[in-house]
Amino acid sequence: MEEITQRLREERKRLGFTQEELATMGGVKVNAQSIYERGLRTPNAIYLANIAKAGIDVLYVVTGRRVHD
Protein backbone atom coordinates (compact mmCIF):
# COMPACT_ATOMS: atom_id res chain seq x y z
CA MET A 1 0.00 0.00 0.00
CA GLU A 2 2.95 2.32 0.57
CA GLU A 3 3.53 2.56 -3.16
CA ILE A 4 -0.10 3.56 -3.76
CA THR A 5 0.16 6.38 -1.23
CA GLN A 6 3.39 7.63 -2.79
CA ARG A 7 1.89 7.57 -6.28
CA LEU A 8 -1.27 9.33 -5.09
CA ARG A 9 0.83 12.14 -3.60
CA GLU A 10 2.99 12.24 -6.74
CA GLU A 11 -0.06 12.59 -9.00
CA ARG A 12 -1.59 15.29 -6.79
CA LYS A 13 1.62 17.30 -6.91
CA ARG A 14 2.08 16.68 -10.65
CA LEU A 15 -1.25 18.37 -11.29
CA GLY A 16 -0.56 21.14 -8.77
CA PHE A 17 -3.40 20.34 -6.36
CA THR A 18 -3.28 20.87 -2.62
CA GLN A 19 -4.52 18.10 -0.35
CA GLU A 20 -7.63 20.18 0.31
CA GLU A 21 -8.35 20.66 -3.40
CA LEU A 22 -7.97 16.97 -4.22
CA ALA A 23 -10.03 15.99 -1.19
CA THR A 24 -12.86 18.21 -2.40
CA MET A 25 -12.66 16.74 -5.91
CA GLY A 26 -12.63 13.25 -4.44
CA GLY A 27 -15.64 13.94 -2.23
CA VAL A 28 -13.77 13.48 1.06
CA LYS A 29 -12.55 15.72 3.85
CA VAL A 30 -8.94 16.91 3.85
CA ASN A 31 -8.28 14.67 6.85
CA ALA A 32 -9.19 11.63 4.73
CA GLN A 33 -6.86 12.82 1.96
CA SER A 34 -4.04 13.08 4.47
CA ILE A 35 -4.83 9.59 5.78
CA TYR A 36 -4.72 8.18 2.24
CA GLU A 37 -1.38 9.84 1.54
CA ARG A 38 0.09 8.55 4.79
CA GLY A 39 -1.00 5.00 4.02
CA LEU A 40 -3.27 4.67 7.02
CA ARG A 41 -6.29 3.83 4.88
CA THR A 42 -6.86 2.79 1.27
CA PRO A 43 -9.04 5.03 -0.91
CA ASN A 44 -12.31 3.51 -2.11
CA ALA A 45 -13.57 3.19 -5.68
CA ILE A 46 -15.89 6.20 -5.49
CA TYR A 47 -13.01 8.45 -4.42
CA LEU A 48 -10.77 7.05 -7.17
CA ALA A 49 -13.48 7.57 -9.81
CA ASN A 50 -13.95 11.16 -8.64
CA ILE A 51 -10.25 12.05 -8.74
CA ALA A 52 -9.93 10.44 -12.17
CA LYS A 53 -12.36 13.11 -13.40
CA ALA A 54 -9.89 15.71 -12.10
CA GLY A 55 -7.10 14.24 -14.24
CA ILE A 56 -5.42 11.92 -11.75
CA ASP A 57 -4.05 8.84 -13.52
CA VAL A 58 -5.81 6.31 -11.28
CA LEU A 59 -4.37 3.33 -13.16
CA TYR A 60 -0.91 4.63 -12.27
CA VAL A 61 -1.87 5.27 -8.64
CA VAL A 62 -3.22 1.74 -8.19
CA THR A 63 -0.87 -0.32 -10.38
CA GLY A 64 2.20 1.79 -11.09
CA ARG A 65 1.47 1.70 -14.84
CA ARG A 66 0.57 4.85 -16.77
CA VAL A 67 -2.53 4.95 -18.94
CA HIS A 68 -0.38 5.63 -22.00
CA ASP A 69 2.50 3.21 -21.25
PDB file of N, CA and C in Angstrom:
ATOM      1  N   MET A   1       0.829  -1.199   0.000  1.00  0.00           N
ATOM      2  CA  MET A   1       0.000   0.000   0.000  1.00  0.00           C
ATOM      3  C   MET A   1       0.868   1.257   0.000  1.00  0.00           C
ATOM      4  N   GLU A   2       2.065   1.152   0.520  1.00  0.00           N
ATOM      5  CA  GLU A   2       2.949   2.322   0.575  1.00  0.00           C
ATOM      6  C   GLU A   2       3.173   2.922  -0.812  1.00  0.00           C
ATOM      7  N   GLU A   3       3.315   2.055  -1.805  1.00  0.00           N
ATOM      8  CA  GLU A   3       3.535   2.564  -3.160  1.00  0.00           C
ATOM      9  C   GLU A   3       2.316   3.340  -3.665  1.00  0.00           C
ATOM     10  N   ILE A   4       1.113   2.864  -3.341  1.00  0.00           N
ATOM     11  CA  ILE A   4      -0.105   3.562  -3.756  1.00  0.00           C
ATOM     12  C   ILE A   4      -0.125   4.958  -3.153  1.00  0.00           C
ATOM     13  N   THR A   5       0.196   5.071  -1.887  1.00  0.00           N
ATOM     14  CA  THR A   5       0.158   6.380  -1.231  1.00  0.00           C
ATOM     15  C   THR A   5       1.195   7.324  -1.836  1.00  0.00           C
ATOM     16  N   GLN A   6       2.357   6.797  -2.165  1.00  0.00           N
ATOM     17  CA  GLN A   6       3.388   7.631  -2.786  1.00  0.00           C
ATOM     18  C   GLN A   6       2.951   8.105  -4.165  1.00  0.00           C
ATOM     19  N   ARG A   7       2.335   7.201  -4.931  1.00  0.00           N
ATOM     20  CA  ARG A   7       1.894   7.573  -6.278  1.00  0.00           C
ATOM     21  C   ARG A   7       0.715   8.542  -6.224  1.00  0.00           C
ATOM     22  N   LEU A   8      -0.156   8.394  -5.245  1.00  0.00           N
ATOM     23  CA  LEU A   8      -1.267   9.334  -5.090  1.00  0.00           C
ATOM     24  C   LEU A   8      -0.728  10.730  -4.820  1.00  0.00           C
ATOM     25  N   ARG A   9       0.210  10.843  -3.913  1.00  0.00           N
ATOM     26  CA  ARG A   9       0.831  12.136  -3.599  1.00  0.00           C
ATOM     27  C   ARG A   9       1.548  12.696  -4.821  1.00  0.00           C
ATOM     28  N   GLU A  10       2.262  11.825  -5.530  1.00  0.00           N
ATOM     29  CA  GLU A  10       2.987  12.241  -6.738  1.00  0.00           C
ATOM     30  C   GLU A  10       2.034  12.809  -7.791  1.00  0.00           C
ATOM     31  N   GLU A  11       0.924  12.127  -8.015  1.00  0.00           N
ATOM     32  CA  GLU A  11      -0.059  12.594  -8.996  1.00  0.00           C
ATOM     33  C   GLU A  11      -0.677  13.920  -8.569  1.00  0.00           C
ATOM     34  N   ARG A  12      -1.007  14.039  -7.294  1.00  0.00           N
ATOM     35  CA  ARG A  12      -1.585  15.287  -6.789  1.00  0.00           C
ATOM     36  C   ARG A  12      -0.633  16.449  -7.041  1.00  0.00           C
ATOM     37  N   LYS A  13       0.621  16.240  -6.725  1.00  0.00           N
ATOM     38  CA  LYS A  13       1.620  17.296  -6.913  1.00  0.00           C
ATOM     39  C   LYS A  13       1.883  17.564  -8.391  1.00  0.00           C
ATOM     40  N   ARG A  14       1.860  16.508  -9.203  1.00  0.00           N
ATOM     41  CA  ARG A  14       2.082  16.675 -10.652  1.00  0.00           C
ATOM     42  C   ARG A  14       1.048  17.621 -11.247  1.00  0.00           C
ATOM     43  N   LEU A  15      -0.183  17.521 -10.769  1.00  0.00           N
ATOM     44  CA  LEU A  15      -1.254  18.369 -11.288  1.00  0.00           C
ATOM     45  C   LEU A  15      -1.392  19.680 -10.529  1.00  0.00           C
ATOM     46  N   GLY A  16      -0.573  19.874  -9.498  1.00  0.00           N
ATOM     47  CA  GLY A  16      -0.556  21.141  -8.771  1.00  0.00           C
ATOM     48  C   GLY A  16      -1.705  21.337  -7.799  1.00  0.00           C
ATOM     49  N   PHE A  17      -2.299  20.235  -7.319  1.00  0.00           N
ATOM     50  CA  PHE A  17      -3.396  20.338  -6.360  1.00  0.00           C
ATOM     51  C   PHE A  17      -2.878  20.289  -4.929  1.00  0.00           C
ATOM     52  N   THR A  18      -3.534  21.017  -4.055  1.00  0.00           N
ATOM     53  CA  THR A  18      -3.277  20.871  -2.623  1.00  0.00           C
ATOM     54  C   THR A  18      -4.049  19.649  -2.138  1.00  0.00           C
ATOM     55  N   GLN A  19      -3.751  19.201  -0.922  1.00  0.00           N
ATOM     56  CA  GLN A  19      -4.523  18.098  -0.354  1.00  0.00           C
ATOM     57  C   GLN A  19      -5.995  18.491  -0.238  1.00  0.00           C
ATOM     58  N   GLU A  20      -6.252  19.720   0.154  1.00  0.00           N
ATOM     59  CA  GLU A  20      -7.630  20.178   0.306  1.00  0.00           C
ATOM     60  C   GLU A  20      -8.375  20.171  -1.025  1.00  0.00           C
ATOM     61  N   GLU A  21      -7.714  20.633  -2.086  1.00  0.00           N
ATOM     62  CA  GLU A  21      -8.349  20.658  -3.400  1.00  0.00           C
ATOM     63  C   GLU A  21      -8.686  19.245  -3.884  1.00  0.00           C
ATOM     64  N   LEU A  22      -7.722  18.327  -3.750  1.00  0.00           N
ATOM     65  CA  LEU A  22      -7.972  16.969  -4.219  1.00  0.00           C
ATOM     66  C   LEU A  22      -9.020  16.279  -3.353  1.00  0.00           C
ATOM     67  N   ALA A  23      -9.010  16.547  -2.076  1.00  0.00           N
ATOM     68  CA  ALA A  23     -10.030  15.988  -1.186  1.00  0.00           C
ATOM     69  C   ALA A  23     -11.417  16.416  -1.644  1.00  0.00           C
ATOM     70  N   THR A  24     -11.574  17.692  -1.940  1.00  0.00           N
ATOM     71  CA  THR A  24     -12.864  18.209  -2.397  1.00  0.00           C
ATOM     72  C   THR A  24     -13.286  17.523  -3.691  1.00  0.00           C
ATOM     73  N   MET A  25     -12.353  17.408  -4.640  1.00  0.00           N
ATOM     74  CA  MET A  25     -12.658  16.744  -5.909  1.00  0.00           C
ATOM     75  C   MET A  25     -13.014  15.278  -5.705  1.00  0.00           C
ATOM     76  N   GLY A  26     -12.381  14.665  -4.714  1.00  0.00           N
ATOM     77  CA  GLY A  26     -12.633  13.254  -4.440  1.00  0.00           C
ATOM     78  C   GLY A  26     -13.863  13.003  -3.593  1.00  0.00           C
ATOM     79  N   GLY A  27     -14.438  14.086  -3.042  1.00  0.00           N
ATOM     80  CA  GLY A  27     -15.635  13.944  -2.227  1.00  0.00           C
ATOM     81  C   GLY A  27     -15.360  13.514  -0.802  1.00  0.00           C
ATOM     82  N   VAL A  28     -14.135  13.829  -0.317  1.00  0.00           N
ATOM     83  CA  VAL A  28     -13.770  13.483   1.061  1.00  0.00           C
ATOM     84  C   VAL A  28     -13.260  14.731   1.774  1.00  0.00           C
ATOM     85  N   LYS A  29     -13.118  14.619   3.067  1.00  0.00           N
ATOM     86  CA  LYS A  29     -12.551  15.722   3.853  1.00  0.00           C
ATOM     87  C   LYS A  29     -11.032  15.690   3.730  1.00  0.00           C
ATOM     88  N   VAL A  30     -10.403  16.825   3.977  1.00  0.00           N
ATOM     89  CA  VAL A  30      -8.943  16.914   3.855  1.00  0.00           C
ATOM     90  C   VAL A  30      -8.249  15.923   4.793  1.00  0.00           C
ATOM     91  N   ASN A  31      -8.854  15.643   5.923  1.00  0.00           N
ATOM     92  CA  ASN A  31      -8.281  14.665   6.850  1.00  0.00           C
ATOM     93  C   ASN A  31      -8.188  13.286   6.186  1.00  0.00           C
ATOM     94  N   ALA A  32      -9.210  12.915   5.435  1.00  0.00           N
ATOM     95  CA  ALA A  32      -9.187  11.631   4.733  1.00  0.00           C
ATOM     96  C   ALA A  32      -8.088  11.616   3.679  1.00  0.00           C
ATOM     97  N   GLN A  33      -7.924  12.731   2.971  1.00  0.00           N
ATOM     98  CA  GLN A  33      -6.864  12.821   1.965  1.00  0.00           C
ATOM     99  C   GLN A  33      -5.507  12.601   2.614  1.00  0.00           C
ATOM    100  N   SER A  34      -5.297  13.233   3.735  1.00  0.00           N
ATOM    101  CA  SER A  34      -4.042  13.078   4.467  1.00  0.00           C
ATOM    102  C   SER A  34      -3.842  11.625   4.899  1.00  0.00           C
ATOM    103  N   ILE A  35      -4.901  11.001   5.359  1.00  0.00           N
ATOM    104  CA  ILE A  35      -4.832   9.595   5.784  1.00  0.00           C
ATOM    105  C   ILE A  35      -4.477   8.697   4.603  1.00  0.00           C
ATOM    106  N   TYR A  36      -5.065   8.960   3.432  1.00  0.00           N
ATOM    107  CA  TYR A  36      -4.723   8.183   2.235  1.00  0.00           C
ATOM    108  C   TYR A  36      -3.246   8.344   1.898  1.00  0.00           C
ATOM    109  N   GLU A  37      -2.765   9.572   1.937  1.00  0.00           N
ATOM    110  CA  GLU A  37      -1.377   9.836   1.537  1.00  0.00           C
ATOM    111  C   GLU A  37      -0.360   9.339   2.558  1.00  0.00           C
ATOM    112  N   ARG A  38      -0.801   9.117   3.770  1.00  0.00           N
ATOM    113  CA  ARG A  38       0.093   8.555   4.788  1.00  0.00           C
ATOM    114  C   ARG A  38       0.006   7.035   4.858  1.00  0.00           C
ATOM    115  N   GLY A  39      -0.891   6.450   4.074  1.00  0.00           N
ATOM    116  CA  GLY A  39      -0.997   4.997   4.022  1.00  0.00           C
ATOM    117  C   GLY A  39      -1.744   4.384   5.184  1.00  0.00           C
ATOM    118  N   LEU A  40      -2.535   5.190   5.875  1.00  0.00           N
ATOM    119  CA  LEU A  40      -3.271   4.668   7.019  1.00  0.00           C
ATOM    120  C   LEU A  40      -4.603   4.049   6.614  1.00  0.00           C
ATOM    121  N   ARG A  41      -5.053   4.384   5.413  1.00  0.00           N
ATOM    122  CA  ARG A  41      -6.292   3.830   4.876  1.00  0.00           C
ATOM    123  C   ARG A  41      -6.213   3.844   3.360  1.00  0.00           C
ATOM    124  N   THR A  42      -6.861   2.882   2.731  1.00  0.00           N
ATOM    125  CA  THR A  42      -6.864   2.793   1.274  1.00  0.00           C
ATOM    126  C   THR A  42      -8.086   3.520   0.711  1.00  0.00           C
ATOM    127  N   PRO A  43      -7.907   4.342  -0.313  1.00  0.00           N
ATOM    128  CA  PRO A  43      -9.043   5.031  -0.913  1.00  0.00           C
ATOM    129  C   PRO A  43     -10.025   4.037  -1.541  1.00  0.00           C
ATOM    130  N   ASN A  44     -11.314   4.393  -1.519  1.00  0.00           N
ATOM    131  CA  ASN A  44     -12.315   3.506  -2.111  1.00  0.00           C
ATOM    132  C   ASN A  44     -12.545   3.860  -3.581  1.00  0.00           C
ATOM    133  N   ALA A  45     -13.340   3.044  -4.243  1.00  0.00           N
ATOM    134  CA  ALA A  45     -13.571   3.185  -5.680  1.00  0.00           C
ATOM    135  C   ALA A  45     -14.266   4.493  -6.032  1.00  0.00           C
ATOM    136  N   ILE A  46     -15.181   4.946  -5.199  1.00  0.00           N
ATOM    137  CA  ILE A  46     -15.893   6.202  -5.485  1.00  0.00           C
ATOM    138  C   ILE A  46     -14.909   7.367  -5.481  1.00  0.00           C
ATOM    139  N   TYR A  47     -14.040   7.411  -4.487  1.00  0.00           N
ATOM    140  CA  TYR A  47     -13.011   8.452  -4.419  1.00  0.00           C
ATOM    141  C   TYR A  47     -12.119   8.394  -5.661  1.00  0.00           C
ATOM    142  N   LEU A  48     -11.658   7.198  -6.010  1.00  0.00           N
ATOM    143  CA  LEU A  48     -10.771   7.049  -7.171  1.00  0.00           C
ATOM    144  C   LEU A  48     -11.463   7.483  -8.460  1.00  0.00           C
ATOM    145  N   ALA A  49     -12.735   7.142  -8.618  1.00  0.00           N
ATOM    146  CA  ALA A  49     -13.478   7.571  -9.810  1.00  0.00           C
ATOM    147  C   ALA A  49     -13.589   9.091  -9.851  1.00  0.00           C
ATOM    148  N   ASN A  50     -13.830   9.703  -8.700  1.00  0.00           N
ATOM    149  CA  ASN A  50     -13.950  11.165  -8.641  1.00  0.00           C
ATOM    150  C   ASN A  50     -12.639  11.863  -8.986  1.00  0.00           C
ATOM    151  N   ILE A  51     -11.521  11.373  -8.459  1.00  0.00           N
ATOM    152  CA  ILE A  51     -10.251  12.054  -8.739  1.00  0.00           C
ATOM    153  C   ILE A  51      -9.786  11.793 -10.169  1.00  0.00           C
ATOM    154  N   ALA A  52     -10.243  10.695 -10.754  1.00  0.00           N
ATOM    155  CA  ALA A  52      -9.927  10.443 -12.169  1.00  0.00           C
ATOM    156  C   ALA A  52     -10.528  11.548 -13.037  1.00  0.00           C
ATOM    157  N   LYS A  53     -11.712  12.023 -12.666  1.00  0.00           N
ATOM    158  CA  LYS A  53     -12.359  13.109 -13.402  1.00  0.00           C
ATOM    159  C   LYS A  53     -11.543  14.395 -13.324  1.00  0.00           C
ATOM    160  N   ALA A  54     -10.728  14.522 -12.282  1.00  0.00           N
ATOM    161  CA  ALA A  54      -9.890  15.707 -12.102  1.00  0.00           C
ATOM    162  C   ALA A  54      -8.556  15.574 -12.824  1.00  0.00           C
ATOM    163  N   GLY A  55      -8.326  14.428 -13.477  1.00  0.00           N
ATOM    164  CA  GLY A  55      -7.099  14.243 -14.241  1.00  0.00           C
ATOM    165  C   GLY A  55      -6.068  13.344 -13.592  1.00  0.00           C
ATOM    166  N   ILE A  56      -6.355  12.836 -12.395  1.00  0.00           N
ATOM    167  CA  ILE A  56      -5.422  11.918 -11.746  1.00  0.00           C
ATOM    168  C   ILE A  56      -5.395  10.614 -12.543  1.00  0.00           C
ATOM    169  N   ASP A  57      -4.217  10.114 -12.817  1.00  0.00           N
ATOM    170  CA  ASP A  57      -4.051   8.840 -13.516  1.00  0.00           C
ATOM    171  C   ASP A  57      -4.232   7.727 -12.478  1.00  0.00           C
ATOM    172  N   VAL A  58      -5.469   7.286 -12.317  1.00  0.00           N
ATOM    173  CA  VAL A  58      -5.806   6.308 -11.283  1.00  0.00           C
ATOM    174  C   VAL A  58      -5.161   4.952 -11.572  1.00  0.00           C
ATOM    175  N   LEU A  59      -5.051   4.573 -12.832  1.00  0.00           N
ATOM    176  CA  LEU A  59      -4.367   3.327 -13.160  1.00  0.00           C
ATOM    177  C   LEU A  59      -2.947   3.362 -12.614  1.00  0.00           C
ATOM    178  N   TYR A  60      -2.265   4.479 -12.794  1.00  0.00           N
ATOM    179  CA  TYR A  60      -0.911   4.627 -12.268  1.00  0.00           C
ATOM    180  C   TYR A  60      -0.908   4.564 -10.744  1.00  0.00           C
ATOM    181  N   VAL A  61      -1.823   5.259 -10.105  1.00  0.00           N
ATOM    182  CA  VAL A  61      -1.873   5.269  -8.636  1.00  0.00           C
ATOM    183  C   VAL A  61      -2.022   3.847  -8.111  1.00  0.00           C
ATOM    184  N   VAL A  62      -2.911   3.075  -8.711  1.00  0.00           N
ATOM    185  CA  VAL A  62      -3.220   1.736  -8.191  1.00  0.00           C
ATOM    186  C   VAL A  62      -2.186   0.687  -8.612  1.00  0.00           C
ATOM    187  N   THR A  63      -1.717   0.758  -9.868  1.00  0.00           N
ATOM    188  CA  THR A  63      -0.867  -0.322 -10.383  1.00  0.00           C
ATOM    189  C   THR A  63       0.586   0.061 -10.640  1.00  0.00           C
ATOM    190  N   GLY A  64       0.847   1.364 -10.746  1.00  0.00           N
ATOM    191  CA  GLY A  64       2.195   1.794 -11.090  1.00  0.00           C
ATOM    192  C   GLY A  64       2.411   1.883 -12.593  1.00  0.00           C
ATOM    193  N   ARG A  65       1.373   1.608 -13.386  1.00  0.00           N
ATOM    194  CA  ARG A  65       1.470   1.700 -14.845  1.00  0.00           C
ATOM    195  C   ARG A  65       0.675   2.906 -15.315  1.00  0.00           C
ATOM    196  N   ARG A  66       1.244   3.687 -16.198  1.00  0.00           N
ATOM    197  CA  ARG A  66       0.567   4.852 -16.767  1.00  0.00           C
ATOM    198  C   ARG A  66      -0.464   4.418 -17.798  1.00  0.00           C
ATOM    199  N   VAL A  67      -1.482   5.230 -17.962  1.00  0.00           N
ATOM    200  CA  VAL A  67      -2.533   4.950 -18.942  1.00  0.00           C
ATOM    201  C   VAL A  67      -1.933   4.798 -20.326  1.00  0.00           C
ATOM    202  N   HIS A  68      -0.948   5.622 -20.645  1.00  0.00           N
ATOM    203  CA  HIS A  68      -0.375   5.626 -21.996  1.00  0.00           C
ATOM    204  C   HIS A  68       0.994   4.954 -22.053  1.00  0.00           C
ATOM    205  N   ASP A  69       1.230   3.949 -21.208  1.00  0.00           N
ATOM    206  CA  ASP A  69       2.497   3.209 -21.251  1.00  0.00           C
ATOM    207  C   ASP A  69       2.594   2.387 -22.510  1.00  0.00           C
TER     208      ASP A  69
END
